[in-house]
Protein backbone atom coordinates (compact mmCIF):
# COMPACT_ATOMS: atom_id res chain seq x y z
CA UNK A 1 -16.34 -2.91 -34.18
CA UNK A 2 -13.44 -2.13 -31.54
CA UNK A 3 -11.32 0.62 -32.02
CA UNK A 4 -8.00 -2.07 -31.99
CA UNK A 5 -9.80 -4.93 -33.35
CA UNK A 6 -7.04 -7.11 -34.75
CA UNK A 7 -4.05 -4.66 -33.44
CA UNK A 8 -2.68 -3.71 -30.31
CA UNK A 9 -1.39 -5.38 -26.83
CA UNK A 10 -3.47 -9.29 -26.52
CA UNK A 11 -4.62 -10.89 -23.49
CA UNK A 12 -0.78 -12.85 -22.66
CA UNK A 13 0.55 -9.40 -22.02
CA UNK A 14 -2.63 -7.77 -20.30
CA UNK A 15 -2.53 -10.68 -18.07
CA UNK A 16 1.38 -10.47 -17.86
CA UNK A 17 0.47 -6.47 -16.60
CA UNK A 18 -1.56 -7.72 -14.28
CA UNK A 19 0.16 -10.18 -12.44
CA UNK A 20 3.33 -8.80 -12.91
CA UNK A 21 1.75 -5.76 -10.92
CA UNK A 22 -0.18 -7.58 -8.63
CA UNK A 23 3.05 -9.99 -7.32
CA UNK A 24 6.05 -7.65 -6.14
CA UNK A 25 6.91 -5.72 -3.24
CA UNK A 26 3.77 -5.62 -1.12
CA UNK A 27 4.25 -10.10 -0.54
CA UNK A 28 7.66 -9.54 -0.37
CA UNK A 29 7.49 -7.49 2.42
CA UNK A 30 3.77 -7.42 4.00
CA UNK A 31 4.33 -10.18 6.33
CA UNK A 32 6.81 -8.69 8.67
CA UNK A 33 4.58 -5.48 8.76
CA UNK A 34 1.57 -7.66 9.52
CA UNK A 35 3.50 -10.22 12.38
CA UNK A 36 3.94 -7.01 14.78
CA UNK A 37 -0.11 -6.87 15.15
CA UNK A 38 -0.94 -10.66 14.35
CA UNK A 39 0.42 -13.92 15.77
CA UNK A 40 -1.85 -16.44 14.51
CA UNK A 41 -0.37 -17.72 11.51
CA UNK A 42 -4.37 -18.74 10.36
CA UNK A 43 -5.35 -15.39 10.63
CA UNK A 44 -2.67 -13.93 8.65
CA UNK A 45 -3.72 -16.62 5.95
CA UNK A 46 -7.44 -15.59 6.27
CA UNK A 47 -6.71 -12.02 5.74
CA UNK A 48 -5.02 -13.27 2.35
CA UNK A 49 -7.81 -15.20 1.25
CA UNK A 50 -10.20 -12.01 2.42
CA UNK A 51 -7.90 -9.91 0.30
CA UNK A 52 -7.70 -12.01 -2.62
CA UNK A 53 -12.22 -11.96 -2.28
CA UNK A 54 -12.43 -8.24 -2.26
CA UNK A 55 -9.68 -7.52 -5.31
CA UNK A 56 -11.73 -10.40 -7.17
CA UNK A 57 -15.30 -8.44 -7.00
CA UNK A 58 -13.44 -4.98 -7.73
CA UNK A 59 -12.04 -6.96 -10.91
CA UNK A 60 -15.35 -8.18 -11.58
CA UNK A 61 -17.34 -4.77 -11.10
CA UNK A 62 -14.14 -3.27 -13.54
CA UNK A 63 -14.43 -5.72 -16.11
CA UNK A 64 -17.97 -4.92 -16.91
CA UNK A 65 -16.71 -0.83 -16.72
CA UNK A 66 -13.86 -1.72 -19.12
CA UNK A 67 -16.23 -3.61 -21.34
CA UNK A 68 -18.48 -0.44 -21.50
CA UNK A 69 -15.60 2.09 -22.06
CA UNK A 70 -12.55 0.58 -23.44
CA UNK A 71 -10.52 3.63 -23.27
CA UNK A 72 -7.11 4.46 -21.62
CA UNK A 73 -6.75 5.46 -18.18
CA UNK A 74 -8.48 3.26 -15.39
CA UNK A 75 -10.13 5.41 -12.75
CA UNK A 76 -9.70 8.92 -14.77
CA UNK A 77 -11.91 7.68 -17.55
CA UNK A 78 -14.20 6.05 -15.66
CA UNK A 79 -14.28 9.07 -13.04
CA UNK A 80 -14.96 11.37 -15.78
CA UNK A 81 -17.88 9.89 -17.88
CA UNK A 82 -19.72 8.53 -15.08
CA UNK A 83 -19.36 11.55 -12.54
CA UNK A 84 -17.76 14.73 -13.50
CA UNK A 85 -14.07 15.86 -15.47
CA UNK A 86 -13.16 17.43 -11.92
CA UNK A 87 -13.22 13.48 -10.36
CA UNK A 88 -11.55 12.20 -12.98
CA UNK A 89 -8.79 14.80 -12.71
CA UNK A 90 -8.26 14.19 -8.91
CA UNK A 91 -7.95 10.34 -9.90
CA UNK A 92 -5.36 11.29 -12.60
CA UNK A 93 -3.41 13.28 -9.83
CA UNK A 94 -3.97 10.54 -7.55
CA UNK A 95 -2.99 7.47 -9.52
CA UNK A 96 0.11 9.70 -11.01
CA UNK A 97 1.24 10.22 -7.74
CA UNK A 98 -0.51 7.52 -5.33
CA UNK A 99 -1.17 4.80 -7.58
CA UNK A 100 1.85 4.63 -9.20
CA UNK A 101 5.02 6.87 -8.30
CA UNK A 102 4.49 5.54 -4.57
CA UNK A 103 4.14 1.58 -5.61
CA UNK A 104 7.23 2.30 -8.31
CA UNK A 105 9.30 3.80 -5.51
CA UNK A 106 8.26 1.13 -2.81
CA UNK A 107 8.87 -1.96 -5.29
CA UNK A 108 12.56 0.03 -6.00
CA UNK A 109 13.41 0.36 -2.28
CA UNK A 110 12.40 -4.03 -1.67
CA UNK A 111 14.69 -4.60 -4.22
CA UNK A 112 17.10 -2.56 -3.20
CA UNK A 113 16.71 -4.25 0.25
CA UNK A 114 16.67 -7.86 -1.30
CA UNK A 115 19.90 -7.28 -3.77
CA UNK A 116 21.86 -5.41 -0.69
CA UNK A 117 21.22 -9.24 1.39
CA UNK A 118 22.22 -10.45 -1.44
CA UNK A 119 25.09 -8.92 -2.45
CA UNK A 120 26.01 -7.19 0.65
CA UNK A 121 28.32 -4.82 -1.71
CA UNK A 122 25.50 -3.10 -3.62
CA UNK A 123 24.80 -0.36 -1.87
CA UNK A 124 21.00 0.09 -1.17
CA UNK A 125 20.34 3.87 -2.35
CA UNK A 126 22.23 3.27 -5.36
CA UNK A 127 20.50 -0.03 -6.62
CA UNK A 128 17.32 1.61 -5.59
CA UNK A 129 17.65 4.52 -7.59
CA UNK A 130 19.32 2.41 -10.91
CA UNK A 131 16.69 0.57 -11.53
CA UNK A 132 14.18 3.03 -11.55
CA UNK A 133 16.29 4.69 -14.42
CA UNK A 134 17.18 1.89 -16.37
CA UNK A 135 13.13 0.25 -17.14
CA UNK A 136 12.41 3.92 -17.08
CA UNK A 137 14.73 4.36 -20.04
CA UNK A 138 14.15 0.73 -21.67
CA UNK A 139 10.07 1.72 -22.13
CA UNK A 140 11.06 4.56 -24.23
CA UNK A 141 11.10 2.13 -26.99
CA UNK A 142 8.12 1.30 -28.74
CA UNK A 143 5.07 -0.39 -27.72
CA UNK A 144 6.27 -3.99 -29.24
CA UNK A 145 9.77 -3.86 -27.09
CA UNK A 146 7.68 -2.97 -24.32
CA UNK A 147 5.35 -5.48 -24.63
CA UNK A 148 8.42 -8.14 -24.63
CA UNK A 149 10.47 -6.48 -22.03
CA UNK A 150 7.09 -6.89 -19.90
CA UNK A 151 6.22 -10.35 -20.57
CA UNK A 152 10.00 -11.45 -20.34
CA UNK A 153 10.30 -10.20 -16.92
CA UNK A 154 7.37 -11.45 -15.79
CA UNK A 155 7.63 -14.75 -16.76
CA UNK A 156 11.10 -15.08 -15.11
CA UNK A 157 9.93 -13.44 -11.98
CA UNK A 158 6.86 -16.59 -11.91
CA UNK A 159 9.72 -19.05 -12.44
CA UNK A 160 11.81 -17.77 -9.37
CA UNK A 161 8.42 -17.45 -7.06
CA UNK A 162 7.69 -21.20 -8.08
CA UNK A 163 11.09 -22.27 -7.47
CA UNK A 164 10.75 -20.47 -4.17
CA UNK A 165 7.52 -22.13 -3.73
CA UNK A 166 9.09 -25.86 -4.71
CA UNK A 167 11.71 -25.26 -1.93
CA UNK A 168 9.21 -24.35 0.58
CA UNK A 169 7.08 -27.14 -0.30
CA UNK A 170 9.56 -30.09 0.25
CA UNK A 171 10.75 -28.65 3.37
CA UNK A 172 7.39 -28.86 5.24
CA UNK A 173 7.64 -32.67 3.88
CA UNK A 174 10.85 -33.17 5.70
CA UNK A 175 9.37 -30.95 8.47
CA UNK A 176 5.76 -31.86 8.65
CA UNK A 177 5.24 -30.26 12.53
CA UNK A 178 5.78 -27.17 10.73
CA UNK A 179 2.83 -26.82 9.07
CA UNK A 180 1.04 -26.14 12.84
CA UNK A 181 1.46 -23.13 12.51
CA UNK A 182 -1.07 -22.22 9.92
CA UNK A 183 -3.33 -24.35 11.75
CA UNK A 184 -6.47 -22.52 14.08
CA UNK A 185 -5.67 -22.24 17.67
CA UNK A 186 -6.68 -21.02 20.35
CA UNK A 187 -8.00 -17.03 20.00
CA UNK A 188 -7.43 -17.13 15.80
CA UNK A 189 -10.72 -16.14 15.25
CA UNK A 190 -11.03 -13.73 18.07
CA UNK A 191 -8.10 -11.97 16.52
CA UNK A 192 -9.65 -11.43 13.34
CA UNK A 193 -12.43 -9.23 15.06
CA UNK A 194 -9.35 -7.21 16.72
CA UNK A 195 -9.12 -3.38 15.86
CA UNK A 196 -5.17 -4.50 14.87
CA UNK A 197 -6.03 -6.76 11.65
CA UNK A 198 -7.51 -3.83 10.10
CA UNK A 199 -3.87 -2.65 9.56
CA UNK A 200 -2.87 -6.02 9.07
CA UNK A 201 -6.04 -5.90 6.17
CA UNK A 202 -4.57 -2.56 4.68
CA UNK A 203 -0.67 -3.99 4.05
CA UNK A 204 -2.66 -6.88 2.14
CA UNK A 205 -4.66 -4.75 0.26
CA UNK A 206 -1.56 -3.15 -0.98
CA UNK A 207 -0.16 -6.49 -1.93
CA UNK A 208 -3.54 -7.02 -3.91
CA UNK A 209 -3.16 -3.59 -5.46
CA UNK A 210 -2.83 -3.84 -9.28
CA UNK A 211 -5.54 -5.80 -9.97
CA UNK A 212 -6.88 -3.24 -12.35
CA UNK A 213 -3.56 -2.57 -14.23
CA UNK A 214 -4.75 -3.64 -17.68
CA UNK A 215 -8.04 -0.68 -17.53
CA UNK A 216 -4.53 2.07 -18.10
CA UNK A 217 -3.61 0.65 -21.22
CA UNK A 218 -7.39 -0.16 -22.57
CA UNK A 219 -7.09 2.16 -25.70
CA UNK A 220 -3.93 -0.26 -27.03
CA UNK A 221 -5.90 -3.32 -26.46
CA UNK A 222 -6.81 -5.01 -29.50
CA UNK A 223 -10.83 -6.33 -28.50
CA UNK A 224 -10.40 -4.82 -25.09
CA UNK A 225 -14.16 -4.84 -24.34
CA UNK A 226 -13.49 -8.57 -23.84
CA UNK A 227 -9.48 -8.67 -23.23
CA UNK A 228 -9.33 -6.40 -20.68
CA UNK A 229 -11.93 -7.88 -18.24
CA UNK A 230 -10.76 -11.75 -19.14
CA UNK A 231 -7.08 -10.32 -18.14
CA UNK A 232 -8.36 -8.72 -14.83
CA UNK A 233 -10.44 -11.58 -13.14
CA UNK A 234 -8.17 -14.44 -14.74
CA UNK A 235 -5.04 -12.86 -13.18
CA UNK A 236 -6.76 -12.13 -9.65
CA UNK A 237 -7.64 -15.11 -9.08
CA UNK A 238 -4.07 -16.57 -10.08
CA UNK A 239 -2.44 -14.09 -7.81
CA UNK A 240 -4.52 -14.78 -4.96
CA UNK A 241 -3.90 -18.58 -4.73
CA UNK A 242 -0.25 -17.41 -5.77
CA UNK A 243 -0.36 -15.19 -2.31
CA UNK A 244 -1.39 -18.02 -0.35
CA UNK A 245 0.79 -20.68 -0.84
CA UNK A 246 3.60 -17.80 -0.74
CA UNK A 247 2.88 -16.65 2.65
CA UNK A 248 2.12 -20.56 3.90
CA UNK A 249 6.03 -20.72 2.92
CA UNK A 250 7.40 -17.94 4.81
CA UNK A 251 5.46 -18.53 7.87
CA UNK A 252 6.18 -22.41 7.97
CA UNK A 253 10.16 -21.56 6.71
CA UNK A 254 10.92 -19.24 9.62
CA UNK A 255 9.86 -18.49 13.49
CA UNK A 256 7.64 -15.68 13.62
CA UNK A 257 9.65 -13.77 15.72
CA UNK A 258 12.82 -13.74 13.22
CA UNK A 259 10.04 -12.48 10.48
CA UNK A 260 8.23 -9.59 12.76
CA UNK A 261 9.46 -6.00 12.00
CA UNK A 262 11.49 -7.08 8.89
CA UNK A 263 10.91 -5.55 5.05
CA UNK A 264 13.24 -8.01 3.31
CA UNK A 265 10.84 -11.61 5.23
CA UNK A 266 11.78 -13.45 1.75
CA UNK A 267 15.82 -13.60 2.42
CA UNK A 268 14.75 -14.38 5.91
CA UNK A 269 12.59 -17.65 4.84
CA UNK A 270 15.09 -18.76 2.36
CA UNK A 271 18.20 -18.52 4.83
CA UNK A 272 16.19 -20.99 7.50
CA UNK A 273 15.15 -22.96 4.07
CA UNK A 274 18.94 -23.63 2.61
CA UNK A 275 21.09 -21.53 4.78
CA UNK A 276 23.53 -18.50 4.61
CA UNK A 277 24.48 -19.08 1.11
CA UNK A 278 20.96 -20.44 -0.32
CA UNK A 279 19.52 -17.27 0.99
CA UNK A 280 21.14 -14.86 -0.91
CA UNK A 281 20.84 -16.59 -3.97
CA UNK A 282 17.03 -16.87 -3.52
CA UNK A 283 17.62 -12.99 -2.46
CA UNK A 284 18.62 -12.34 -6.06
CA UNK A 285 15.66 -14.78 -7.36
CA UNK A 286 13.67 -12.26 -5.30
CA UNK A 287 15.05 -9.21 -6.42
CA UNK A 288 15.30 -10.18 -9.88
CA UNK A 289 11.33 -10.76 -9.96
CA UNK A 290 10.85 -7.36 -8.74
CA UNK A 291 12.22 -6.11 -11.42
CA UNK A 292 8.43 -7.76 -13.37
CA UNK A 293 6.77 -4.88 -10.96
CA UNK A 294 8.49 -2.48 -11.02
CA UNK A 295 8.43 -2.85 -14.90
CA UNK A 296 4.65 -3.19 -15.32
CA UNK A 297 3.59 0.23 -13.32
CA UNK A 298 7.00 2.04 -15.01
CA UNK A 299 4.64 0.77 -18.44
CA UNK A 300 0.99 1.40 -17.20
CA UNK A 301 1.28 4.43 -15.59
CA UNK A 302 2.34 7.23 -17.79
CA UNK A 303 -0.99 6.27 -19.75
CA UNK A 304 -3.24 7.99 -16.79
CA UNK A 305 -0.77 11.45 -17.58
CA UNK A 306 -1.08 10.58 -21.68
CA UNK A 307 -4.75 10.74 -21.46
CA UNK A 308 -5.32 13.52 -19.33
CA UNK A 309 -2.79 15.46 -21.49
CA UNK A 310 -5.76 14.44 -24.26
CA UNK A 311 -7.96 16.22 -22.64
CA UNK A 312 -6.81 19.06 -21.22
CA UNK A 313 -4.55 21.70 -23.87
CA UNK A 314 -2.62 22.97 -20.26
CA UNK A 315 -1.26 19.33 -20.12
CA UNK A 316 -1.10 18.36 -23.90
CA UNK A 317 2.87 18.20 -23.76
CA UNK A 318 2.22 15.14 -21.65
CA UNK A 319 0.54 13.55 -24.48
CA UNK A 320 2.89 13.67 -27.13
CA UNK A 321 4.33 10.60 -28.34
CA UNK A 322 6.70 8.61 -30.15
CA UNK A 323 6.53 5.17 -31.81
CA UNK A 324 3.30 5.06 -29.35
CA UNK A 325 5.44 5.55 -26.14
CA UNK A 326 4.32 8.36 -24.20
CA UNK A 327 8.26 9.58 -23.64
CA UNK A 328 7.34 13.10 -21.56
CA UNK A 329 4.86 11.55 -19.10
CA UNK A 330 7.02 8.40 -18.68
CA UNK A 331 9.99 10.89 -17.43
CA UNK A 332 7.49 12.77 -15.43
CA UNK A 333 7.02 9.56 -13.51
CA UNK A 334 10.15 9.13 -13.22
CA UNK A 335 11.08 12.73 -11.14
CA UNK A 336 8.25 11.74 -9.23
CA UNK A 337 9.62 8.06 -7.77
CA UNK A 338 13.25 9.41 -7.25
CA UNK A 339 11.71 12.00 -5.36
CA UNK A 340 9.86 9.62 -3.24
CA UNK A 341 12.61 7.02 -2.89
CA UNK A 342 15.16 10.56 -1.65
CA UNK A 343 12.74 11.51 1.04
CA UNK A 344 9.93 8.74 1.95
CA UNK A 345 10.07 5.63 4.56
CA UNK A 346 8.87 3.09 3.37
CA UNK A 347 5.35 2.17 5.87
CA UNK A 348 4.85 5.90 5.51
CA UNK A 349 4.77 6.07 1.66
CA UNK A 350 2.07 2.71 1.80
CA UNK A 351 -0.29 3.76 4.01
CA UNK A 352 -0.18 7.39 2.51
CA UNK A 353 -1.14 5.95 -1.32
CA UNK A 354 -3.73 3.41 -0.69
CA UNK A 355 -5.72 5.89 1.20
CA UNK A 356 -6.66 8.21 -1.71
CA UNK A 357 -6.08 4.64 -4.19
CA UNK A 358 -8.98 3.09 -2.37
CA UNK A 359 -11.36 6.20 -1.87
CA UNK A 360 -10.76 6.48 -5.92
CA UNK A 361 -11.63 2.44 -6.67
CA UNK A 362 -14.70 2.58 -4.53
CA UNK A 363 -15.70 5.68 -6.34
CA UNK A 364 -14.73 3.61 -9.47
CA UNK A 365 -17.28 0.87 -8.32
CA UNK A 366 -20.08 2.48 -7.21
CA UNK A 367 -19.82 4.02 -11.02
CA UNK A 368 -20.83 0.40 -12.31
CA UNK A 369 -24.00 1.03 -10.44
CA UNK A 370 -24.62 4.43 -11.50
CA UNK A 371 -24.37 2.97 -15.08
CA UNK A 372 -26.17 -0.04 -14.85
CA UNK A 373 -29.43 2.20 -13.39
CA UNK A 374 -28.41 4.88 -15.77
CA UNK A 375 -28.81 1.94 -18.82
CA UNK A 376 -31.75 0.21 -17.54
CA UNK A 377 -32.89 -0.32 -21.17
CA UNK A 378 -29.66 -0.83 -22.76
CA UNK A 379 -29.56 -5.12 -23.15
CA UNK A 380 -26.75 -6.59 -20.87
CA UNK A 381 -26.27 -9.22 -24.27
CA UNK A 382 -24.73 -5.95 -26.18
CA UNK A 383 -22.13 -5.96 -23.38
CA UNK A 384 -19.23 -8.60 -24.12
CA UNK A 385 -18.34 -8.97 -20.00
CA UNK A 386 -20.79 -7.85 -16.99
CA UNK A 387 -20.38 -8.47 -13.62
CA UNK A 388 -21.35 -11.87 -12.11
CA UNK A 389 -24.44 -11.94 -9.23
CA UNK A 390 -24.60 -8.28 -9.38
CA UNK A 391 -24.48 -6.35 -7.21
CA UNK A 392 -23.23 -8.65 -4.49
CA UNK A 393 -19.33 -8.39 -6.12
CA UNK A 394 -19.53 -4.16 -5.85
CA UNK A 395 -20.93 -4.69 -2.32
CA UNK A 396 -18.75 -6.42 -0.92
CA UNK A 397 -15.74 -4.63 -2.64
CA UNK A 398 -17.60 -1.78 -1.13
CA UNK A 399 -18.24 -2.59 2.27
CA UNK A 400 -15.36 -4.43 3.15
CA UNK A 401 -12.69 -1.36 1.58
CA UNK A 402 -15.07 1.00 2.85
CA UNK A 403 -14.00 -0.58 6.35
CA UNK A 404 -10.28 -0.91 5.87
CA UNK A 405 -10.39 2.96 5.21
CA UNK A 406 -12.41 4.11 7.74
CA UNK A 407 -9.61 2.40 10.04
CA UNK A 408 -6.85 3.98 8.70
CA UNK A 409 -8.40 7.37 8.93
CA UNK A 410 -8.96 6.43 12.54
CA UNK A 411 -5.23 4.68 13.16
CA UNK A 412 -3.48 7.12 10.75
CA UNK A 413 -4.91 10.73 11.13
CA UNK A 414 -1.85 12.60 9.93
CA UNK A 415 -1.36 9.90 7.47
CA UNK A 416 -4.94 10.67 6.00
CA UNK A 417 -4.75 14.01 6.22
CA UNK A 418 -1.89 14.10 3.72
CA UNK A 419 -3.91 11.41 1.35
CA UNK A 420 -7.37 13.20 1.86
CA UNK A 421 -5.08 16.94 0.62
CA UNK A 422 -3.45 14.84 -2.36
CA UNK A 423 -7.31 14.67 -3.32
CA UNK A 424 -8.66 17.87 -2.25
CA UNK A 425 -5.51 19.89 -4.48
CA UNK A 426 -6.84 18.76 -7.78
CA UNK A 427 -10.64 19.22 -7.14
CA UNK A 428 -9.49 22.32 -6.55
CA UNK A 429 -7.64 23.48 -9.15
CA UNK A 430 -9.78 21.99 -11.73
CA UNK A 431 -11.96 24.84 -11.95
CA UNK A 432 -8.82 26.92 -13.32
CA UNK A 433 -7.70 24.37 -15.92
CA UNK A 434 -9.53 24.68 -19.40
CA UNK A 435 -10.20 21.35 -21.05
CA UNK A 436 -9.75 20.54 -24.97
CA UNK A 437 -12.78 18.76 -24.12
CA UNK A 438 -15.42 18.30 -21.88
CA UNK A 439 -16.08 14.55 -21.22
């Protein structure tokens, strides 16, 4: 019987967590950076579809891992149990800094930018800091209140995004010629094979990051061996469809020259769709929608730190909970986020975070192959969720993610070095840290 049979977080909240974590900063900011590298709308949509396929393959792999190991912590738990506690400790450090603190800071920056576009009297910096502080303190209450908060802001987000898409589709109906920007033209396929598409794919993969979010709270989920897996797969499929439609709306709403290099592409697209006032209204809507992403990551991230505190005595204070909430872990994450908001730039933080994150995700997927090899005598019928078409999904994820990782190292060596240092420091320190138990 599952540890949390009959109590804890349900499927709807897990699905809410996955979709809210994914649909956030990336889709509302990435297009401007991609248009600096690519010129074809068709090529860009192909990359978004490819990113969805890669993420789905990762989600299918992680769904089986979660079914085999229904404990909170994500990569920290999987790498500790499959490889060695040192790799798990490294993954925890990566998750804390690159997996949650960095994306939260990026989402907060995007929130401040969109809110300023809607209400110029609101200072970007002050809005950025205020939103992470207020939401962090909002999650210090209880598990039930956190669930209600997350479900509420996620429902609001998708309602608002749906309205934006409806306006975009209506505009295409009135101006059918605008859809030509999405059709293949001479050089579109060749553009996909150029090195410039590699950095554009990196922004796409960042936008899809979060497909594994529910694994960080597995220990608090009802029927985790089934619920986690289905929430990852359904969430990733839903978000892939949404991303392709939303980027098609952006590309048909405004000329590429107006979107290129712009952080708040949603504001620009909305202004072209509905005029200056409509643009401000939609900027407000997008800013409100970003609250769900910020809330989801602020909620999930501290669970990794909590697991580390449970396993390592030196970090034991971070595992203490009040009303089932790891309050000290939330406050630690808040301090890291505020530091990145104050001292980091958007693009640098994004690329710095993606490199160690992709590496840890690849280790997790390789871990599924190792688990399958070790448990040859275990009937798959005993595992509630198994990866379909195995080993194709893990191999697709590893090949595509490995290519993106290699390209990042070649094109951004200094940022890649910083990401590598982030992974090496916890590995070096682990030998001097005494765990309360060895996994």
